[in-house]
Amino acid sequence: MVSFGRSRGGQLAMNDAVFSPGSCWKCDQCAINHRSICRGASEEALRELGRLSHLRRFEKGQVIIAQGDEADLVGNVISGIVKLTNMSMGGHQNIVGLLFPSDFFGRAYADLARFSYEAATDVTLCCMSRHAFENFLGRHPDMEHEILLSTLDELDATREWAAMNSSHTTMQRVATFFFILSRRSDHVFCDAQKRHRMTNPVIALPIGRRDIAAYLGTTPETLSRNIQTLVRKHVIRPIDTNHFELTDTKGLIEHSGETREDLVSMSRADRPNEGFTDQA
């Protein structure tokens, strides 16, 4: 998860999501099982997960789990991006996290959801009943260990991001955010034909610029100026409003004020994007 409103009015309820039975997606053919919590599962555990899980598809803007509701759903993000939001006592909704493919969503061993989970893009989720998953963990301590490691990694990344966000310039925060997206968001690129012709990672902005600016502690105008600076310096190249080609990875790292190792740690990406040239 990358740690980061909008009102719930007019959004579709969870039951309106497209549902697919579990038989349509075999765990041994899953595109993310080597990176998700399932990577440590035995063959027996994978078979059981296949029986417990099913695919659900949510359109952009649909609420998956609402804050304060019963937390009866957990699972993995297969494709797309999920955003976590928190509603304050004053009614202001803030983005507190983004979940990418292979990230775990939901909260085991908790009755109520502390955050809302919303589809930032069209998403496909591998879903399980929370109670069934908790019983499964009791029978498979190796999987419980994977959940613990995933939680600790997420906590480390959140702490690193918080420390960086409190001490860096706006440009450094923008560059860091773009580096994270370059490692984790190329799968949501809008035009497959254009994407095929590229040799560099693509940065896809999964939320609006106003939300990004609020998360980075700046204004939309300042955010736009910093993006234009990166464009003028040929660090990134605009493809459309929400997509940029990363043409100079080393330059982006230099603008972030961080080491590559720290940036990779904050992104929690298990490995670089396949098929791209790493220029750092």
C-alpha atoms as a PDB file:
ATOM      1  CA  MET A   1       0.000   0.000   0.000  1.00  0.00           C
ATOM      2  CA  VAL A   2       1.106   3.519  -0.756  1.00  0.00           C
ATOM      3  CA  SER A   3       0.026   5.689   2.178  1.00  0.00           C
ATOM      4  CA  PHE A   4      -2.030   9.061   1.104  1.00  0.00           C
ATOM      5  CA  GLY A   5     -12.314  13.229  -0.363  1.00  0.00           C
ATOM      6  CA  ARG A   6     -15.104  12.681  -1.826  1.00  0.00           C
ATOM      7  CA  SER A   7     -18.641  12.181  -0.512  1.00  0.00           C
ATOM      8  CA  ARG A   8     -20.394   8.832  -0.746  1.00  0.00           C
ATOM      9  CA  GLY A   9     -23.478  10.338  -2.333  1.00  0.00           C
ATOM     10  CA  GLY A  10     -24.360   8.875  -5.699  1.00  0.00           C
ATOM     11  CA  GLN A  11     -21.890   5.999  -5.480  1.00  0.00           C
ATOM     12  CA  LEU A  12     -23.012   2.456  -6.182  1.00  0.00           C
ATOM     13  CA  ALA A  13     -23.394   0.031  -3.323  1.00  0.00           C
ATOM     14  CA  MET A  14     -21.147  -2.992  -3.002  1.00  0.00           C
ATOM     15  CA  ASN A  15     -23.922  -5.357  -4.113  1.00  0.00           C
ATOM     16  CA  ASP A  16     -24.084  -3.593  -7.485  1.00  0.00           C
ATOM     17  CA  ALA A  17     -20.599  -4.854  -8.365  1.00  0.00           C
ATOM     18  CA  VAL A  18     -20.119  -7.435 -11.077  1.00  0.00           C
ATOM     19  CA  PHE A  19     -19.694 -10.879  -9.523  1.00  0.00           C
ATOM     20  CA  SER A  20     -17.816 -13.868 -10.913  1.00  0.00           C
ATOM     21  CA  PRO A  21     -17.761 -17.276  -9.226  1.00  0.00           C
ATOM     22  CA  GLY A  22     -14.500 -18.647  -7.929  1.00  0.00           C
ATOM     23  CA  SER A  23     -14.297 -21.342 -10.576  1.00  0.00           C
ATOM     24  CA  CYS A  24     -13.380 -18.741 -13.210  1.00  0.00           C
ATOM     25  CA  TRP A  25      -9.969 -17.998 -11.662  1.00  0.00           C
ATOM     26  CA  LYS A  26      -7.635 -20.796 -10.610  1.00  0.00           C
ATOM     27  CA  CYS A  27      -5.091 -19.823  -7.993  1.00  0.00           C
ATOM     28  CA  ASP A  28      -2.248 -21.530  -9.837  1.00  0.00           C
ATOM     29  CA  GLN A  29      -2.968 -19.329 -12.886  1.00  0.00           C
ATOM     30  CA  CYS A  30      -3.328 -16.090 -10.935  1.00  0.00           C
ATOM     31  CA  ALA A  31      -1.136 -13.248 -12.236  1.00  0.00           C
ATOM     32  CA  ILE A  32      -0.254 -11.959  -8.756  1.00  0.00           C
ATOM     33  CA  ASN A  33       0.039 -15.085  -6.595  1.00  0.00           C
ATOM     34  CA  HIS A  34       3.855 -14.905  -6.701  1.00  0.00           C
ATOM     35  CA  ARG A  35       3.763 -11.389  -5.202  1.00  0.00           C
ATOM     36  CA  SER A  36       0.722 -11.459  -2.922  1.00  0.00           C
ATOM     37  CA  ILE A  37       0.279 -13.168   0.453  1.00  0.00           C
ATOM     38  CA  CYS A  38      -0.388 -16.347  -1.542  1.00  0.00           C
ATOM     39  CA  ARG A  39       3.298 -16.651  -2.484  1.00  0.00           C
ATOM     40  CA  GLY A  40       3.985 -18.617   0.721  1.00  0.00           C
ATOM     41  CA  ALA A  41       0.993 -20.919   0.383  1.00  0.00           C
ATOM     42  CA  SER A  42       1.355 -24.672   0.093  1.00  0.00           C
ATOM     43  CA  GLU A  43      -0.495 -26.555  -2.647  1.00  0.00           C
ATOM     44  CA  GLU A  44      -3.081 -27.628  -0.093  1.00  0.00           C
ATOM     45  CA  ALA A  45      -3.548 -24.041   1.087  1.00  0.00           C
ATOM     46  CA  LEU A  46      -3.891 -22.775  -2.497  1.00  0.00           C
ATOM     47  CA  ARG A  47      -6.586 -25.347  -3.225  1.00  0.00           C
ATOM     48  CA  GLU A  48      -8.477 -24.255  -0.136  1.00  0.00           C
ATOM     49  CA  LEU A  49      -8.095 -20.582  -1.068  1.00  0.00           C
ATOM     50  CA  GLY A  50      -9.495 -21.424  -4.487  1.00  0.00           C
ATOM     51  CA  ARG A  51     -12.601 -22.843  -2.838  1.00  0.00           C
ATOM     52  CA  LEU A  52     -12.989 -19.877  -0.469  1.00  0.00           C
ATOM     53  CA  SER A  53     -12.402 -17.084  -2.977  1.00  0.00           C
ATOM     54  CA  HIS A  54     -14.274 -15.548  -5.878  1.00  0.00           C
ATOM     55  CA  LEU A  55     -13.671 -12.657  -8.255  1.00  0.00           C
ATOM     56  CA  ARG A  56     -15.586  -9.417  -7.960  1.00  0.00           C
ATOM     57  CA  ARG A  57     -15.294  -6.478 -10.309  1.00  0.00           C
ATOM     58  CA  PHE A  58     -16.012  -2.908  -9.267  1.00  0.00           C
ATOM     59  CA  GLU A  59     -16.322   0.109 -11.513  1.00  0.00           C
ATOM     60  CA  LYS A  60     -14.419   3.302 -10.765  1.00  0.00           C
ATOM     61  CA  GLY A  61     -16.104   5.135  -7.880  1.00  0.00           C
ATOM     62  CA  GLN A  62     -17.874   2.134  -6.379  1.00  0.00           C
ATOM     63  CA  VAL A  63     -17.560   1.646  -2.636  1.00  0.00           C
ATOM     64  CA  ILE A  64     -16.163  -1.792  -1.814  1.00  0.00           C
ATOM     65  CA  ILE A  65     -16.296  -1.495   1.980  1.00  0.00           C
ATOM     66  CA  ALA A  66     -17.749   1.577   3.708  1.00  0.00           C
ATOM     67  CA  GLN A  67     -16.158   3.072   6.815  1.00  0.00           C
ATOM     68  CA  GLY A  68     -17.977   1.917   9.935  1.00  0.00           C
ATOM     69  CA  ASP A  69     -19.693  -1.008   8.200  1.00  0.00           C
ATOM     70  CA  GLU A  70     -19.146  -4.622   9.141  1.00  0.00           C
ATOM     71  CA  ALA A  71     -15.762  -5.696   7.779  1.00  0.00           C
ATOM     72  CA  ASP A  72     -16.942  -8.953   6.224  1.00  0.00           C
ATOM     73  CA  LEU A  73     -14.752  -8.944   3.111  1.00  0.00           C
ATOM     74  CA  VAL A  74     -10.990  -9.437   2.626  1.00  0.00           C
ATOM     75  CA  GLY A  75      -8.757 -10.434  -0.256  1.00  0.00           C
ATOM     76  CA  ASN A  76      -6.197  -9.361  -2.856  1.00  0.00           C
ATOM     77  CA  VAL A  77      -6.256  -6.684  -5.534  1.00  0.00           C
ATOM     78  CA  ILE A  78      -5.877  -8.471  -8.884  1.00  0.00           C
ATOM     79  CA  SER A  79      -6.018  -5.462 -11.199  1.00  0.00           C
ATOM     80  CA  GLY A  80      -6.714  -1.758 -10.873  1.00  0.00           C
ATOM     81  CA  ILE A  81      -6.229   0.492  -7.850  1.00  0.00           C
ATOM     82  CA  VAL A  82      -8.238   0.791  -4.627  1.00  0.00           C
ATOM     83  CA  LYS A  83      -8.124   3.926  -2.497  1.00  0.00           C
ATOM     84  CA  LEU A  84      -8.589   4.029   1.260  1.00  0.00           C
ATOM     85  CA  THR A  85     -10.386   7.058   2.658  1.00  0.00           C
ATOM     86  CA  ASN A  86     -11.102   8.278   6.161  1.00  0.00           C
ATOM     87  CA  MET A  87     -14.084  10.434   7.101  1.00  0.00           C
ATOM     88  CA  SER A  88     -13.252  12.914   9.855  1.00  0.00           C
ATOM     89  CA  MET A  89     -15.646  13.978  12.594  1.00  0.00           C
ATOM     90  CA  GLY A  90     -16.134  17.224  10.674  1.00  0.00           C
ATOM     91  CA  GLY A  91     -17.299  15.357   7.573  1.00  0.00           C
ATOM     92  CA  HIS A  92     -14.103  15.815   5.545  1.00  0.00           C
ATOM     93  CA  GLN A  93     -12.944  12.752   3.632  1.00  0.00           C
ATOM     94  CA  ASN A  94      -9.208  12.244   3.077  1.00  0.00           C
ATOM     95  CA  ILE A  95      -7.297   9.672   1.054  1.00  0.00           C
ATOM     96  CA  VAL A  96      -5.055   7.709   3.413  1.00  0.00           C
ATOM     97  CA  GLY A  97      -3.766   4.951   1.143  1.00  0.00           C
ATOM     98  CA  LEU A  98      -3.675   3.343  -2.284  1.00  0.00           C
ATOM     99  CA  LEU A  99      -3.731  -0.399  -2.899  1.00  0.00           C
ATOM    100  CA  PHE A 100      -2.172  -1.836  -6.055  1.00  0.00           C
ATOM    101  CA  PRO A 101      -2.260  -5.339  -7.599  1.00  0.00           C
ATOM    102  CA  SER A 102      -0.977  -7.950  -5.113  1.00  0.00           C
ATOM    103  CA  ASP A 103      -1.884  -5.747  -2.117  1.00  0.00           C
ATOM    104  CA  PHE A 104      -4.171  -7.204   0.544  1.00  0.00           C
ATOM    105  CA  PHE A 105      -7.400  -5.336   1.260  1.00  0.00           C
ATOM    106  CA  GLY A 106      -9.728  -5.524   4.248  1.00  0.00           C
ATOM    107  CA  ARG A 107      -8.888  -6.143   7.876  1.00  0.00           C
ATOM    108  CA  ALA A 108      -8.731  -9.598   9.413  1.00  0.00           C
ATOM    109  CA  TYR A 109      -9.736  -9.926  13.071  1.00  0.00           C
ATOM    110  CA  ALA A 110     -11.719  -6.661  13.067  1.00  0.00           C
ATOM    111  CA  ASP A 111     -15.508  -6.426  13.167  1.00  0.00           C
ATOM    112  CA  LEU A 112     -15.855  -2.915  11.729  1.00  0.00           C
ATOM    113  CA  ALA A 113     -14.031  -1.178   8.884  1.00  0.00           C
ATOM    114  CA  ARG A 114     -11.937   1.775  10.073  1.00  0.00           C
ATOM    115  CA  PHE A 115     -11.586   3.120   6.527  1.00  0.00           C
ATOM    116  CA  SER A 116     -13.619   3.123   3.340  1.00  0.00           C
ATOM    117  CA  TYR A 117     -12.302   1.102   0.397  1.00  0.00           C
ATOM    118  CA  GLU A 118     -13.257   2.603  -2.962  1.00  0.00           C
ATOM    119  CA  ALA A 119     -12.357   1.684  -6.535  1.00  0.00           C
ATOM    120  CA  ALA A 120     -10.018   4.447  -7.761  1.00  0.00           C
ATOM    121  CA  THR A 121     -10.066   2.755 -11.179  1.00  0.00           C
ATOM    122  CA  ASP A 122     -12.025  -0.203 -12.475  1.00  0.00           C
ATOM    123  CA  VAL A 123     -10.769  -3.036 -10.285  1.00  0.00           C
ATOM    124  CA  THR A 124     -10.873  -6.812 -10.044  1.00  0.00           C
ATOM    125  CA  LEU A 125     -10.604  -8.266  -6.552  1.00  0.00           C
ATOM    126  CA  CYS A 126     -10.100 -11.785  -5.261  1.00  0.00           C
ATOM    127  CA  CYS A 127     -12.582 -11.756  -2.373  1.00  0.00           C
ATOM    128  CA  MET A 128     -13.159 -13.985   0.632  1.00  0.00           C
ATOM    129  CA  SER A 129     -15.421 -13.913   3.642  1.00  0.00           C
ATOM    130  CA  ARG A 130     -13.433 -12.466   6.547  1.00  0.00           C
ATOM    131  CA  HIS A 131     -14.673 -15.134   8.939  1.00  0.00           C
ATOM    132  CA  ALA A 132     -13.827 -17.943   6.519  1.00  0.00           C
ATOM    133  CA  PHE A 133     -10.383 -16.432   5.932  1.00  0.00           C
ATOM    134  CA  GLU A 134      -9.710 -16.153   9.673  1.00  0.00           C
ATOM    135  CA  ASN A 135     -10.604 -19.827  10.090  1.00  0.00           C
ATOM    136  CA  PHE A 136      -8.315 -20.621   7.163  1.00  0.00           C
ATOM    137  CA  LEU A 137      -5.412 -18.785   8.843  1.00  0.00           C
ATOM    138  CA  GLY A 138      -5.949 -20.860  11.967  1.00  0.00           C
ATOM    139  CA  ARG A 139      -5.396 -24.008   9.902  1.00  0.00           C
ATOM    140  CA  HIS A 140      -2.418 -22.588   7.970  1.00  0.00           C
ATOM    141  CA  PRO A 141       0.055 -20.727  10.232  1.00  0.00           C
ATOM    142  CA  ASP A 142       2.410 -20.206   7.267  1.00  0.00           C
ATOM    143  CA  MET A 143      -0.221 -17.977   5.683  1.00  0.00           C
ATOM    144  CA  GLU A 144      -0.760 -16.147   8.949  1.00  0.00           C
ATOM    145  CA  HIS A 145       2.987 -15.463   8.877  1.00  0.00           C
ATOM    146  CA  GLU A 146       2.655 -13.942   5.376  1.00  0.00           C
ATOM    147  CA  ILE A 147      -0.135 -11.671   6.624  1.00  0.00           C
ATOM    148  CA  LEU A 148       2.105 -10.521   9.476  1.00  0.00           C
ATOM    149  CA  LEU A 149       5.026  -9.802   7.125  1.00  0.00           C
ATOM    150  CA  SER A 150       2.750  -7.905   4.748  1.00  0.00           C
ATOM    151  CA  THR A 151       1.408  -5.801   7.614  1.00  0.00           C
ATOM    152  CA  LEU A 152       4.902  -5.014   8.902  1.00  0.00           C
ATOM    153  CA  ASP A 153       6.083  -4.036   5.403  1.00  0.00           C
ATOM    154  CA  GLU A 154       3.089  -1.743   5.068  1.00  0.00           C
ATOM    155  CA  LEU A 155       3.803  -0.186   8.459  1.00  0.00           C
ATOM    156  CA  ASP A 156       7.460   0.430   7.553  1.00  0.00           C
ATOM    157  CA  ALA A 157       6.499   2.015   4.231  1.00  0.00           C
ATOM    158  CA  THR A 158       3.923   4.241   5.924  1.00  0.00           C
ATOM    159  CA  ARG A 159       6.433   5.436   8.518  1.00  0.00           C
ATOM    160  CA  GLU A 160       9.055   6.140   5.862  1.00  0.00           C
ATOM    161  CA  TRP A 161       6.545   8.083   3.792  1.00  0.00           C
ATOM    162  CA  ALA A 162       5.360  10.097   6.810  1.00  0.00           C
ATOM    163  CA  ALA A 163       8.947  11.017   7.721  1.00  0.00           C
ATOM    164  CA  MET A 164       9.694  12.058   4.148  1.00  0.00           C
ATOM    165  CA  ASN A 165       6.462  14.011   3.769  1.00  0.00           C
ATOM    166  CA  SER A 166       7.185  16.143   6.826  1.00  0.00           C
ATOM    167  CA  SER A 167      10.697  17.233   5.840  1.00  0.00           C
ATOM    168  CA  HIS A 168      10.988  17.361   2.045  1.00  0.00           C
ATOM    169  CA  THR A 169      10.211  20.055  -0.511  1.00  0.00           C
ATOM    170  CA  THR A 170       7.146  19.840  -2.730  1.00  0.00           C
ATOM    171  CA  MET A 171       9.283  18.776  -5.695  1.00  0.00           C
ATOM    172  CA  GLN A 172      10.859  15.996  -3.642  1.00  0.00           C
ATOM    173  CA  ARG A 173       7.426  14.750  -2.586  1.00  0.00           C
ATOM    174  CA  VAL A 174       6.114  14.873  -6.156  1.00  0.00           C
ATOM    175  CA  ALA A 175       9.167  13.019  -7.492  1.00  0.00           C
ATOM    176  CA  THR A 176       8.871  10.375  -4.776  1.00  0.00           C
ATOM    177  CA  PHE A 177       5.183   9.879  -5.497  1.00  0.00           C
ATOM    178  CA  PHE A 178       5.853   9.588  -9.236  1.00  0.00           C
ATOM    179  CA  PHE A 179       8.634   7.055  -8.649  1.00  0.00           C
ATOM    180  CA  ILE A 180       6.256   4.893  -6.622  1.00  0.00           C
ATOM    181  CA  LEU A 181       3.599   5.105  -9.322  1.00  0.00           C
ATOM    182  CA  SER A 182       6.152   4.256 -12.022  1.00  0.00           C
ATOM    183  CA  ARG A 183       6.832   0.941 -10.303  1.00  0.00           C
ATOM    184  CA  ARG A 184       3.272   0.038  -9.529  1.00  0.00           C
ATOM    185  CA  SER A 185       0.806   1.644 -11.914  1.00  0.00           C
ATOM    186  CA  ASP A 186       1.784   0.890 -15.525  1.00  0.00           C
ATOM    187  CA  HIS A 187      -0.963  -1.761 -15.663  1.00  0.00           C
ATOM    188  CA  VAL A 188      -3.672   0.924 -15.733  1.00  0.00           C
ATOM    189  CA  PHE A 189      -2.298   2.654 -18.835  1.00  0.00           C
ATOM    190  CA  CYS A 190      -5.209   3.729 -21.009  1.00  0.00           C
ATOM    191  CA  ASP A 191      -4.031   2.943 -24.547  1.00  0.00           C
ATOM    192  CA  ALA A 192      -2.572  -0.529 -25.063  1.00  0.00           C
ATOM    193  CA  GLN A 193      -1.430   0.261 -28.617  1.00  0.00           C
ATOM    194  CA  LYS A 194       0.625   3.275 -27.494  1.00  0.00           C
ATOM    195  CA  ARG A 195       1.876   1.330 -24.479  1.00  0.00           C
ATOM    196  CA  HIS A 196       3.214  -1.427 -26.704  1.00  0.00           C
ATOM    197  CA  ARG A 197       5.509   1.041 -28.478  1.00  0.00           C
ATOM    198  CA  MET A 198       7.128   2.280 -25.250  1.00  0.00           C
ATOM    199  CA  THR A 199      10.275   0.990 -23.590  1.00  0.00           C
ATOM    200  CA  ASN A 200       9.962   3.089 -20.421  1.00  0.00           C
ATOM    201  CA  PRO A 201       7.657   2.798 -17.397  1.00  0.00           C
ATOM    202  CA  VAL A 202       4.373   4.689 -17.494  1.00  0.00           C
ATOM    203  CA  ILE A 203       3.176   6.798 -14.566  1.00  0.00           C
ATOM    204  CA  ALA A 204      -0.625   6.640 -14.287  1.00  0.00           C
ATOM    205  CA  LEU A 205      -2.298   9.080 -11.908  1.00  0.00           C
ATOM    206  CA  PRO A 206      -5.054   7.012 -10.245  1.00  0.00           C
ATOM    207  CA  ILE A 207      -6.744   9.915  -8.429  1.00  0.00           C
ATOM    208  CA  GLY A 208      -7.501  13.529  -9.294  1.00  0.00           C
ATOM    209  CA  ARG A 209      -4.845  16.208  -9.050  1.00  0.00           C
ATOM    210  CA  ARG A 210      -6.727  18.013  -6.300  1.00  0.00           C
ATOM    211  CA  ASP A 211      -6.612  14.844  -4.171  1.00  0.00           C
ATOM    212  CA  ILE A 212      -2.933  14.310  -5.014  1.00  0.00           C
ATOM    213  CA  ALA A 213      -2.118  17.900  -4.058  1.00  0.00           C
ATOM    214  CA  ALA A 214      -3.950  17.577  -0.742  1.00  0.00           C
ATOM    215  CA  TYR A 215      -2.105  14.355   0.015  1.00  0.00           C
ATOM    216  CA  LEU A 216       1.257  15.922  -0.812  1.00  0.00           C
ATOM    217  CA  GLY A 217       0.506  18.971   1.310  1.00  0.00           C
ATOM    218  CA  THR A 218       0.424  21.486  -1.523  1.00  0.00           C
ATOM    219  CA  THR A 219      -2.004  23.183  -3.914  1.00  0.00           C
ATOM    220  CA  PRO A 220      -3.128  21.944  -7.345  1.00  0.00           C
ATOM    221  CA  GLU A 221      -1.361  24.934  -8.925  1.00  0.00           C
ATOM    222  CA  THR A 222       1.955  24.162  -7.209  1.00  0.00           C
ATOM    223  CA  LEU A 223       1.593  20.495  -8.120  1.00  0.00           C
ATOM    224  CA  SER A 224       1.085  21.411 -11.779  1.00  0.00           C
ATOM    225  CA  ARG A 225       4.135  23.709 -11.758  1.00  0.00           C
ATOM    226  CA  ASN A 226       6.330  20.934 -10.365  1.00  0.00           C
ATOM    227  CA  ILE A 227       5.028  18.470 -12.943  1.00  0.00           C
ATOM    228  CA  GLN A 228       5.802  20.964 -15.709  1.00  0.00           C
ATOM    229  CA  THR A 229       9.329  21.366 -14.314  1.00  0.00           C
ATOM    230  CA  LEU A 230       9.857  17.608 -14.611  1.00  0.00           C
ATOM    231  CA  VAL A 231       8.518  17.767 -18.172  1.00  0.00           C
ATOM    232  CA  ARG A 232      10.825  20.653 -19.154  1.00  0.00           C
ATOM    233  CA  LYS A 233      13.809  18.783 -17.731  1.00  0.00           C
ATOM    234  CA  HIS A 234      12.831  15.724 -19.806  1.00  0.00           C
ATOM    235  CA  VAL A 235      12.403  13.548 -16.717  1.00  0.00           C
ATOM    236  CA  ILE A 236       8.848  12.672 -17.753  1.00  0.00           C
ATOM    237  CA  ARG A 237       6.921  13.013 -21.011  1.00  0.00           C
ATOM    238  CA  PRO A 238       3.157  13.704 -21.076  1.00  0.00           C
ATOM    239  CA  ILE A 239       1.044  11.108 -22.848  1.00  0.00           C
ATOM    240  CA  ASP A 240      -2.325  12.523 -21.834  1.00  0.00           C
ATOM    241  CA  THR A 241      -3.742  14.338 -18.806  1.00  0.00           C
ATOM    242  CA  ASN A 242      -3.273  11.436 -16.415  1.00  0.00           C
ATOM    243  CA  HIS A 243      -0.391   9.469 -17.938  1.00  0.00           C
ATOM    244  CA  PHE A 244       3.325  10.221 -18.246  1.00  0.00           C
ATOM    245  CA  GLU A 245       6.225   8.259 -19.673  1.00  0.00           C
ATOM    246  CA  LEU A 246       9.194   8.115 -17.292  1.00  0.00           C
ATOM    247  CA  THR A 247      12.128   8.963 -19.564  1.00  0.00           C
ATOM    248  CA  ASP A 248      14.820   9.595 -16.926  1.00  0.00           C
ATOM    249  CA  THR A 249      14.602   7.377 -13.844  1.00  0.00           C
ATOM    250  CA  LYS A 250      17.927   8.623 -12.489  1.00  0.00           C
ATOM    251  CA  GLY A 251      16.769  12.220 -12.811  1.00  0.00           C
ATOM    252  CA  LEU A 252      13.529  11.445 -10.973  1.00  0.00           C
ATOM    253  CA  ILE A 253      15.473   9.837  -8.125  1.00  0.00           C
ATOM    254  CA  GLU A 254      17.734  12.901  -7.893  1.00  0.00           C
ATOM    255  CA  HIS A 255      14.706  15.195  -7.664  1.00  0.00           C
ATOM    256  CA  SER A 256      13.238  13.037  -4.879  1.00  0.00           C
ATOM    257  CA  GLY A 257      16.148  13.621  -2.506  1.00  0.00           C
ATOM    258  CA  GLU A 258      16.036   9.923  -1.582  1.00  0.00           C
ATOM    259  CA  THR A 259      18.210   6.939  -2.390  1.00  0.00           C
ATOM    260  CA  ARG A 260      16.901   4.375  -4.810  1.00  0.00           C
ATOM    261  CA  GLU A 261      16.824   1.799  -2.008  1.00  0.00           C
ATOM    262  CA  ASP A 262      14.609   4.008   0.160  1.00  0.00           C
ATOM    263  CA  LEU A 263      12.282   4.731  -2.745  1.00  0.00           C
ATOM    264  CA  VAL A 264      11.919   1.036  -3.523  1.00  0.00           C
ATOM    265  CA  SER A 265      11.182   0.376   0.140  1.00  0.00           C
ATOM    266  CA  MET A 266       8.466   3.040   0.171  1.00  0.00           C
ATOM    267  CA  SER A 267       6.905   1.662  -3.000  1.00  0.00           C
ATOM    268  CA  ARG A 268       6.792  -1.883  -1.604  1.00  0.00           C
ATOM    269  CA  ALA A 269       7.134  -3.210  -5.144  1.00  0.00           C
ATOM    270  CA  ASP A 270       8.678  -6.648  -5.005  1.00  0.00           C
ATOM    271  CA  ARG A 271      10.561  -6.223  -8.262  1.00  0.00           C
ATOM    272  CA  PRO A 272      10.904  -3.761 -11.138  1.00  0.00           C
ATOM    273  CA  ASN A 273       8.331  -3.717 -13.929  1.00  0.00           C
ATOM    274  CA  GLU A 274       9.071  -6.495 -16.374  1.00  0.00           C
ATOM    275  CA  GLY A 275       9.879  -5.425 -19.905  1.00  0.00           C
ATOM    276  CA  PHE A 276      11.222  -1.963 -19.107  1.00  0.00           C
ATOM    277  CA  THR A 277      14.706  -0.546 -19.187  1.00  0.00           C
ATOM    278  CA  ASP A 278      15.810   0.660 -15.751  1.00  0.00           C
ATOM    279  CA  GLN A 279      17.807   3.821 -16.325  1.00  0.00           C
ATOM    280  CA  ALA A 280      18.948   4.400 -12.751  1.00  0.00           C
END
